[in-house]
């Protein structure tokens, strides 16, 4: 917890005196409620706004989202519901974007941030950040599929995928781990094996594992442990 005037001053946009004056004039809200007392204690992740604009724009934000199907991994897509539409008002105008994409019909873990350099590093091909998906297919998965993924599947357009891992969970479900992120890669790999994907969910992205307590469409800030993990990539 920290004082509200100190939180404002920490952005560098206002002195402590200017921050106190803003608060006393009723221009500052915490979680949507006006606070006029500079000494008010606020939590580290409490959304603070000045004149309706989030001060979070002045610091990096890292959110874990459980993306539901039917939502696009975009910040602005006419006629579509985007991942930003799932967030609270305080996160709408601070430059957040998804670090990587999931197909519209794919569910699971998505990292949202306004930290461009970090996102670039995580997505750079040379980083080979692991991506793990739970997949269900139309058809029967077998040991030949496991070996094909381990060797590296060749797609219909001739692209040779990097070797991955396929862990069979049942006759038609598995965990598949990729070390690259090509367009529709999981779907194209398994389609080339004659086993089209019926359901797909990303459960891990690098050091981040989808929080089982997050329902579809819900989100939360990354924990300190998770932040250390992504910065160590």
C-alpha atoms as a PDB file:
ATOM      1  CA  UNK A   1       0.000   0.000   0.000  1.00  0.00           C
ATOM      2  CA  UNK A   2       1.170   3.552  -0.723  1.00  0.00           C
ATOM      3  CA  UNK A   3      -0.191   7.084  -0.431  1.00  0.00           C
ATOM      4  CA  UNK A   4      -2.309   8.295  -3.317  1.00  0.00           C
ATOM      5  CA  UNK A   5      -0.301  11.494  -3.775  1.00  0.00           C
ATOM      6  CA  UNK A   6       2.909   9.468  -3.851  1.00  0.00           C
ATOM      7  CA  UNK A   7       1.461   7.157  -6.517  1.00  0.00           C
ATOM      8  CA  UNK A   8       0.675  10.158  -8.756  1.00  0.00           C
ATOM      9  CA  UNK A   9       4.046  11.808  -8.151  1.00  0.00           C
ATOM     10  CA  UNK A  10       5.849   8.540  -9.017  1.00  0.00           C
ATOM     11  CA  UNK A  11       4.699   8.903 -12.639  1.00  0.00           C
ATOM     12  CA  UNK A  12       6.920  11.978 -13.005  1.00  0.00           C
ATOM     13  CA  UNK A  13       4.057  14.044 -14.449  1.00  0.00           C
ATOM     14  CA  UNK A  14       3.262  15.885 -11.218  1.00  0.00           C
ATOM     15  CA  UNK A  15       5.126  17.072  -8.133  1.00  0.00           C
ATOM     16  CA  UNK A  16       3.824  15.940  -4.734  1.00  0.00           C
ATOM     17  CA  UNK A  17       2.174  19.350  -4.277  1.00  0.00           C
ATOM     18  CA  UNK A  18       0.523  19.175  -7.710  1.00  0.00           C
ATOM     19  CA  UNK A  19      -0.630  15.641  -6.953  1.00  0.00           C
ATOM     20  CA  UNK A  20      -2.203  16.766  -3.672  1.00  0.00           C
ATOM     21  CA  UNK A  21      -3.979  19.625  -5.434  1.00  0.00           C
ATOM     22  CA  UNK A  22      -5.364  17.248  -8.087  1.00  0.00           C
ATOM     23  CA  UNK A  23      -6.684  14.918  -5.415  1.00  0.00           C
ATOM     24  CA  UNK A  24      -8.270  17.671  -3.335  1.00  0.00           C
ATOM     25  CA  UNK A  25      -9.995  19.076  -6.418  1.00  0.00           C
ATOM     26  CA  UNK A  26     -11.796  15.762  -7.007  1.00  0.00           C
ATOM     27  CA  UNK A  27     -10.033  14.939 -10.294  1.00  0.00           C
ATOM     28  CA  UNK A  28      -8.595  11.612  -9.094  1.00  0.00           C
ATOM     29  CA  UNK A  29     -10.465   8.311  -8.842  1.00  0.00           C
ATOM     30  CA  UNK A  30      -9.399   4.984  -7.390  1.00  0.00           C
ATOM     31  CA  UNK A  31     -11.346   1.995  -8.724  1.00  0.00           C
ATOM     32  CA  UNK A  32     -13.928   4.436 -10.072  1.00  0.00           C
ATOM     33  CA  UNK A  33     -14.456   6.330  -6.794  1.00  0.00           C
ATOM     34  CA  UNK A  34     -13.339   9.945  -6.276  1.00  0.00           C
ATOM     35  CA  UNK A  35     -10.857  10.363  -3.421  1.00  0.00           C
ATOM     36  CA  UNK A  36     -10.066  13.833  -2.069  1.00  0.00           C
ATOM     37  CA  UNK A  37      -7.553  12.839   0.624  1.00  0.00           C
ATOM     38  CA  UNK A  38      -3.888  12.763  -0.475  1.00  0.00           C
ATOM     39  CA  UNK A  39      -3.037  10.414   2.404  1.00  0.00           C
ATOM     40  CA  UNK A  40      -5.428   7.725   1.119  1.00  0.00           C
ATOM     41  CA  UNK A  41      -3.611   4.373   0.933  1.00  0.00           C
ATOM     42  CA  UNK A  42      -4.011   2.437  -2.322  1.00  0.00           C
ATOM     43  CA  UNK A  43      -2.868  -1.021  -3.378  1.00  0.00           C
ATOM     44  CA  UNK A  44      -0.069  -1.453  -5.908  1.00  0.00           C
ATOM     45  CA  UNK A  45      -2.458  -2.711  -8.596  1.00  0.00           C
ATOM     46  CA  UNK A  46      -5.427  -0.469  -7.781  1.00  0.00           C
ATOM     47  CA  UNK A  47      -6.539   1.388 -10.952  1.00  0.00           C
ATOM     48  CA  UNK A  48      -5.959   5.144 -10.508  1.00  0.00           C
ATOM     49  CA  UNK A  49      -7.256   7.684 -13.017  1.00  0.00           C
ATOM     50  CA  UNK A  50      -6.798  11.466 -13.388  1.00  0.00           C
ATOM     51  CA  UNK A  51      -9.513  13.235 -15.373  1.00  0.00           C
ATOM     52  CA  UNK A  52     -10.638   9.835 -16.634  1.00  0.00           C
ATOM     53  CA  UNK A  53      -7.205   8.788 -17.941  1.00  0.00           C
ATOM     54  CA  UNK A  54      -5.372   5.878 -16.318  1.00  0.00           C
ATOM     55  CA  UNK A  55      -1.964   6.703 -14.870  1.00  0.00           C
ATOM     56  CA  UNK A  56      -1.015   3.099 -15.694  1.00  0.00           C
ATOM     57  CA  UNK A  57      -0.078   4.422 -19.134  1.00  0.00           C
ATOM     58  CA  UNK A  58       3.107   5.684 -17.497  1.00  0.00           C
ATOM     59  CA  UNK A  59       4.289   2.272 -16.392  1.00  0.00           C
ATOM     60  CA  UNK A  60       4.470  -1.185 -17.980  1.00  0.00           C
ATOM     61  CA  UNK A  61       1.532  -3.519 -17.468  1.00  0.00           C
ATOM     62  CA  UNK A  62       1.556  -7.309 -17.746  1.00  0.00           C
ATOM     63  CA  UNK A  63      -1.724  -9.240 -17.698  1.00  0.00           C
ATOM     64  CA  UNK A  64      -2.564 -12.920 -18.048  1.00  0.00           C
ATOM     65  CA  UNK A  65      -5.816 -13.431 -19.956  1.00  0.00           C
ATOM     66  CA  UNK A  66      -7.801 -16.647 -20.374  1.00  0.00           C
ATOM     67  CA  UNK A  67      -8.950 -15.980 -23.912  1.00  0.00           C
ATOM     68  CA  UNK A  68     -12.326 -17.486 -24.808  1.00  0.00           C
ATOM     69  CA  UNK A  69     -13.319 -18.683 -28.262  1.00  0.00           C
ATOM     70  CA  UNK A  70     -15.049 -16.105 -30.455  1.00  0.00           C
ATOM     71  CA  UNK A  71     -12.737 -13.232 -29.461  1.00  0.00           C
ATOM     72  CA  UNK A  72      -9.961 -11.999 -31.747  1.00  0.00           C
ATOM     73  CA  UNK A  73      -6.386 -11.387 -30.600  1.00  0.00           C
ATOM     74  CA  UNK A  74      -6.360  -7.792 -31.792  1.00  0.00           C
ATOM     75  CA  UNK A  75      -6.614  -4.312 -30.341  1.00  0.00           C
ATOM     76  CA  UNK A  76      -9.010  -3.057 -33.017  1.00  0.00           C
ATOM     77  CA  UNK A  77     -10.982  -5.219 -35.421  1.00  0.00           C
ATOM     78  CA  UNK A  78     -14.143  -3.661 -36.925  1.00  0.00           C
ATOM     79  CA  UNK A  79     -17.183  -5.800 -36.278  1.00  0.00           C
ATOM     80  CA  UNK A  80     -15.332  -8.151 -33.924  1.00  0.00           C
ATOM     81  CA  UNK A  81     -15.016  -8.476 -30.163  1.00  0.00           C
ATOM     82  CA  UNK A  82     -11.354  -8.093 -29.247  1.00  0.00           C
ATOM     83  CA  UNK A  83      -9.311  -9.176 -26.255  1.00  0.00           C
ATOM     84  CA  UNK A  84      -9.152  -5.538 -25.094  1.00  0.00           C
ATOM     85  CA  UNK A  85     -12.953  -5.516 -24.875  1.00  0.00           C
ATOM     86  CA  UNK A  86     -12.645  -8.061 -22.056  1.00  0.00           C
ATOM     87  CA  UNK A  87     -10.607  -5.706 -19.853  1.00  0.00           C
ATOM     88  CA  UNK A  88     -11.680  -3.010 -17.411  1.00  0.00           C
ATOM     89  CA  UNK A  89     -11.932   0.645 -18.385  1.00  0.00           C
ATOM     90  CA  UNK A  90      -8.606   1.498 -16.760  1.00  0.00           C
ATOM     91  CA  UNK A  91      -6.798  -0.712 -19.295  1.00  0.00           C
ATOM     92  CA  UNK A  92      -8.440   0.597 -22.459  1.00  0.00           C
ATOM     93  CA  UNK A  93      -6.138   3.474 -23.399  1.00  0.00           C
ATOM     94  CA  UNK A  94      -2.683   2.528 -22.170  1.00  0.00           C
ATOM     95  CA  UNK A  95      -1.299   0.842 -25.278  1.00  0.00           C
ATOM     96  CA  UNK A  96      -1.908  -2.788 -24.339  1.00  0.00           C
ATOM     97  CA  UNK A  97      -1.579  -5.427 -27.050  1.00  0.00           C
ATOM     98  CA  UNK A  98      -1.329  -9.231 -27.136  1.00  0.00           C
ATOM     99  CA  UNK A  99       2.188 -10.658 -27.172  1.00  0.00           C
ATOM    100  CA  UNK A 100       1.472 -13.174 -29.882  1.00  0.00           C
ATOM    101  CA  UNK A 101      -1.909 -14.253 -31.192  1.00  0.00           C
ATOM    102  CA  UNK A 102      -4.402 -17.047 -30.810  1.00  0.00           C
ATOM    103  CA  UNK A 103      -6.915 -17.885 -33.534  1.00  0.00           C
ATOM    104  CA  UNK A 104     -10.450 -16.639 -33.015  1.00  0.00           C
ATOM    105  CA  UNK A 105     -11.689 -20.138 -32.180  1.00  0.00           C
ATOM    106  CA  UNK A 106      -8.690 -21.000 -29.975  1.00  0.00           C
ATOM    107  CA  UNK A 107      -8.843 -20.581 -26.199  1.00  0.00           C
ATOM    108  CA  UNK A 108      -6.231 -20.228 -23.507  1.00  0.00           C
ATOM    109  CA  UNK A 109      -3.295 -18.247 -22.239  1.00  0.00           C
ATOM    110  CA  UNK A 110      -2.579 -14.834 -23.729  1.00  0.00           C
ATOM    111  CA  UNK A 111      -0.110 -12.260 -22.401  1.00  0.00           C
ATOM    112  CA  UNK A 112      -1.245  -8.641 -22.728  1.00  0.00           C
ATOM    113  CA  UNK A 113       1.308  -5.880 -22.201  1.00  0.00           C
ATOM    114  CA  UNK A 114       2.389  -2.403 -23.280  1.00  0.00           C
ATOM    115  CA  UNK A 115       6.067  -3.394 -23.020  1.00  0.00           C
ATOM    116  CA  UNK A 116       7.129  -3.528 -26.663  1.00  0.00           C
ATOM    117  CA  UNK A 117      10.763  -4.588 -26.122  1.00  0.00           C
ATOM    118  CA  UNK A 118       9.737  -7.524 -23.932  1.00  0.00           C
ATOM    119  CA  UNK A 119       7.081  -8.690 -26.388  1.00  0.00           C
ATOM    120  CA  UNK A 120       9.571  -8.458 -29.261  1.00  0.00           C
ATOM    121  CA  UNK A 121      12.083 -10.556 -27.339  1.00  0.00           C
ATOM    122  CA  UNK A 122       9.510 -13.223 -26.445  1.00  0.00           C
ATOM    123  CA  UNK A 123       8.244 -13.452 -30.028  1.00  0.00           C
ATOM    124  CA  UNK A 124      11.597 -13.301 -31.824  1.00  0.00           C
ATOM    125  CA  UNK A 125      12.186 -16.565 -33.751  1.00  0.00           C
ATOM    126  CA  UNK A 126      15.662 -16.922 -32.254  1.00  0.00           C
ATOM    127  CA  UNK A 127      14.162 -16.997 -28.747  1.00  0.00           C
ATOM    128  CA  UNK A 128      12.331 -20.298 -29.420  1.00  0.00           C
ATOM    129  CA  UNK A 129       9.898 -19.638 -26.563  1.00  0.00           C
ATOM    130  CA  UNK A 130       7.974 -22.863 -25.936  1.00  0.00           C
ATOM    131  CA  UNK A 131       4.231 -22.861 -26.519  1.00  0.00           C
ATOM    132  CA  UNK A 132       2.184 -25.753 -25.137  1.00  0.00           C
ATOM    133  CA  UNK A 133      -1.349 -26.535 -26.306  1.00  0.00           C
ATOM    134  CA  UNK A 134      -4.034 -28.965 -25.268  1.00  0.00           C
ATOM    135  CA  UNK A 135      -5.551 -30.341 -28.456  1.00  0.00           C
ATOM    136  CA  UNK A 136      -8.421 -32.632 -29.386  1.00  0.00           C
ATOM    137  CA  UNK A 137      -8.638 -34.036 -32.906  1.00  0.00           C
ATOM    138  CA  UNK A 138     -11.101 -35.771 -35.181  1.00  0.00           C
ATOM    139  CA  UNK A 139      -9.367 -39.097 -35.594  1.00  0.00           C
ATOM    140  CA  UNK A 140      -7.031 -41.342 -33.609  1.00  0.00           C
ATOM    141  CA  UNK A 141      -3.651 -40.128 -32.425  1.00  0.00           C
ATOM    142  CA  UNK A 142      -0.910 -42.739 -32.285  1.00  0.00           C
ATOM    143  CA  UNK A 143       2.796 -43.260 -31.822  1.00  0.00           C
ATOM    144  CA  UNK A 144       3.446 -42.465 -35.474  1.00  0.00           C
ATOM    145  CA  UNK A 145       2.113 -38.961 -34.840  1.00  0.00           C
ATOM    146  CA  UNK A 146       4.405 -38.649 -31.818  1.00  0.00           C
ATOM    147  CA  UNK A 147       7.418 -39.563 -33.955  1.00  0.00           C
ATOM    148  CA  UNK A 148       6.351 -37.276 -36.812  1.00  0.00           C
ATOM    149  CA  UNK A 149       6.144 -34.263 -34.482  1.00  0.00           C
ATOM    150  CA  UNK A 150       9.447 -35.218 -32.873  1.00  0.00           C
ATOM    151  CA  UNK A 151      11.159 -35.262 -36.292  1.00  0.00           C
ATOM    152  CA  UNK A 152       9.429 -32.106 -37.551  1.00  0.00           C
ATOM    153  CA  UNK A 153       6.269 -32.178 -39.652  1.00  0.00           C
ATOM    154  CA  UNK A 154       6.387 -30.964 -43.257  1.00  0.00           C
ATOM    155  CA  UNK A 155       3.325 -28.841 -44.034  1.00  0.00           C
ATOM    156  CA  UNK A 156       1.326 -28.837 -47.253  1.00  0.00           C
ATOM    157  CA  UNK A 157       3.188 -25.780 -48.562  1.00  0.00           C
ATOM    158  CA  UNK A 158       6.532 -27.510 -48.038  1.00  0.00           C
ATOM    159  CA  UNK A 159       7.498 -25.698 -44.812  1.00  0.00           C
ATOM    160  CA  UNK A 160       9.441 -27.967 -42.472  1.00  0.00           C
ATOM    161  CA  UNK A 161       8.425 -27.343 -38.852  1.00  0.00           C
ATOM    162  CA  UNK A 162      11.005 -27.460 -36.109  1.00  0.00           C
ATOM    163  CA  UNK A 163      10.923 -30.666 -34.049  1.00  0.00           C
ATOM    164  CA  UNK A 164       8.323 -30.555 -31.272  1.00  0.00           C
ATOM    165  CA  UNK A 165       6.788 -32.852 -28.696  1.00  0.00           C
ATOM    166  CA  UNK A 166       3.424 -34.635 -28.725  1.00  0.00           C
ATOM    167  CA  UNK A 167       2.295 -36.181 -25.432  1.00  0.00           C
ATOM    168  CA  UNK A 168      -0.711 -38.455 -25.901  1.00  0.00           C
ATOM    169  CA  UNK A 169      -3.425 -38.068 -23.261  1.00  0.00           C
ATOM    170  CA  UNK A 170      -6.097 -40.235 -24.883  1.00  0.00           C
ATOM    171  CA  UNK A 171      -6.890 -41.661 -28.303  1.00  0.00           C
ATOM    172  CA  UNK A 172      -7.897 -38.213 -29.578  1.00  0.00           C
ATOM    173  CA  UNK A 173      -6.278 -35.694 -27.190  1.00  0.00           C
ATOM    174  CA  UNK A 174      -2.728 -34.600 -26.440  1.00  0.00           C
ATOM    175  CA  UNK A 175      -0.402 -31.865 -25.291  1.00  0.00           C
ATOM    176  CA  UNK A 176       1.704 -30.504 -28.140  1.00  0.00           C
ATOM    177  CA  UNK A 177       4.784 -28.351 -27.555  1.00  0.00           C
ATOM    178  CA  UNK A 178       6.107 -26.048 -30.277  1.00  0.00           C
ATOM    179  CA  UNK A 179       9.345 -24.085 -30.308  1.00  0.00           C
ATOM    180  CA  UNK A 180       8.183 -21.656 -32.992  1.00  0.00           C
ATOM    181  CA  UNK A 181       4.941 -19.881 -33.835  1.00  0.00           C
ATOM    182  CA  UNK A 182       3.897 -20.131 -37.461  1.00  0.00           C
ATOM    183  CA  UNK A 183       0.410 -19.208 -38.690  1.00  0.00           C
ATOM    184  CA  UNK A 184      -2.191 -21.868 -37.702  1.00  0.00           C
ATOM    185  CA  UNK A 185       0.739 -24.170 -37.018  1.00  0.00           C
ATOM    186  CA  UNK A 186      -0.897 -26.742 -34.730  1.00  0.00           C
ATOM    187  CA  UNK A 187      -3.917 -27.027 -37.005  1.00  0.00           C
ATOM    188  CA  UNK A 188      -1.794 -27.329 -40.134  1.00  0.00           C
ATOM    189  CA  UNK A 189       0.537 -29.901 -38.579  1.00  0.00           C
ATOM    190  CA  UNK A 190      -2.229 -32.227 -37.471  1.00  0.00           C
ATOM    191  CA  UNK A 191      -4.255 -31.679 -40.644  1.00  0.00           C
ATOM    192  CA  UNK A 192      -1.218 -32.885 -42.591  1.00  0.00           C
ATOM    193  CA  UNK A 193      -1.443 -36.075 -40.524  1.00  0.00           C
ATOM    194  CA  UNK A 194      -5.112 -36.512 -41.491  1.00  0.00           C
ATOM    195  CA  UNK A 195      -6.320 -35.591 -38.001  1.00  0.00           C
ATOM    196  CA  UNK A 196      -7.977 -32.157 -38.078  1.00  0.00           C
ATOM    197  CA  UNK A 197      -8.157 -30.163 -34.852  1.00  0.00           C
ATOM    198  CA  UNK A 198     -11.549 -30.107 -33.157  1.00  0.00           C
ATOM    199  CA  UNK A 199     -10.530 -28.073 -30.083  1.00  0.00           C
ATOM    200  CA  UNK A 200      -7.392 -26.108 -29.212  1.00  0.00           C
ATOM    201  CA  UNK A 201      -6.300 -24.375 -26.017  1.00  0.00           C
ATOM    202  CA  UNK A 202      -2.917 -22.853 -25.157  1.00  0.00           C
ATOM    203  CA  UNK A 203      -1.937 -23.835 -21.626  1.00  0.00           C
ATOM    204  CA  UNK A 204       1.624 -22.517 -21.466  1.00  0.00           C
ATOM    205  CA  UNK A 205       3.636 -19.703 -23.046  1.00  0.00           C
ATOM    206  CA  UNK A 206       7.310 -19.732 -22.103  1.00  0.00           C
ATOM    207  CA  UNK A 207       7.481 -19.702 -18.302  1.00  0.00           C
ATOM    208  CA  UNK A 208       3.788 -18.749 -17.945  1.00  0.00           C
ATOM    209  CA  UNK A 209       1.213 -21.437 -17.201  1.00  0.00           C
ATOM    210  CA  UNK A 210      -2.497 -20.710 -17.529  1.00  0.00           C
ATOM    211  CA  UNK A 211      -3.998 -20.086 -14.086  1.00  0.00           C
ATOM    212  CA  UNK A 212      -6.616 -22.790 -13.528  1.00  0.00           C
ATOM    213  CA  UNK A 213      -8.639 -20.406 -11.354  1.00  0.00           C
ATOM    214  CA  UNK A 214      -9.167 -17.955 -14.236  1.00  0.00           C
ATOM    215  CA  UNK A 215     -12.476 -18.634 -16.011  1.00  0.00           C
ATOM    216  CA  UNK A 216     -12.747 -17.952 -19.739  1.00  0.00           C
ATOM    217  CA  UNK A 217     -12.668 -14.209 -20.373  1.00  0.00           C
ATOM    218  CA  UNK A 218     -11.042 -13.404 -17.006  1.00  0.00           C
ATOM    219  CA  UNK A 219      -7.632 -11.843 -16.462  1.00  0.00           C
ATOM    220  CA  UNK A 220      -5.214 -10.818 -13.728  1.00  0.00           C
ATOM    221  CA  UNK A 221      -1.836  -9.075 -13.384  1.00  0.00           C
ATOM    222  CA  UNK A 222       1.195 -11.348 -13.457  1.00  0.00           C
ATOM    223  CA  UNK A 223       2.640 -12.306 -10.093  1.00  0.00           C
ATOM    224  CA  UNK A 224       6.160 -11.263  -9.118  1.00  0.00           C
ATOM    225  CA  UNK A 225       7.321 -14.845  -9.728  1.00  0.00           C
ATOM    226  CA  UNK A 226       5.783 -14.839 -13.216  1.00  0.00           C
ATOM    227  CA  UNK A 227       7.373 -11.474 -14.004  1.00  0.00           C
ATOM    228  CA  UNK A 228      10.791 -12.799 -13.027  1.00  0.00           C
ATOM    229  CA  UNK A 229      10.145 -15.747 -15.324  1.00  0.00           C
ATOM    230  CA  UNK A 230       9.313 -13.736 -18.431  1.00  0.00           C
ATOM    231  CA  UNK A 231      12.216 -11.342 -17.899  1.00  0.00           C
ATOM    232  CA  UNK A 232      14.618 -14.251 -17.623  1.00  0.00           C
ATOM    233  CA  UNK A 233      13.711 -15.531 -21.111  1.00  0.00           C
END
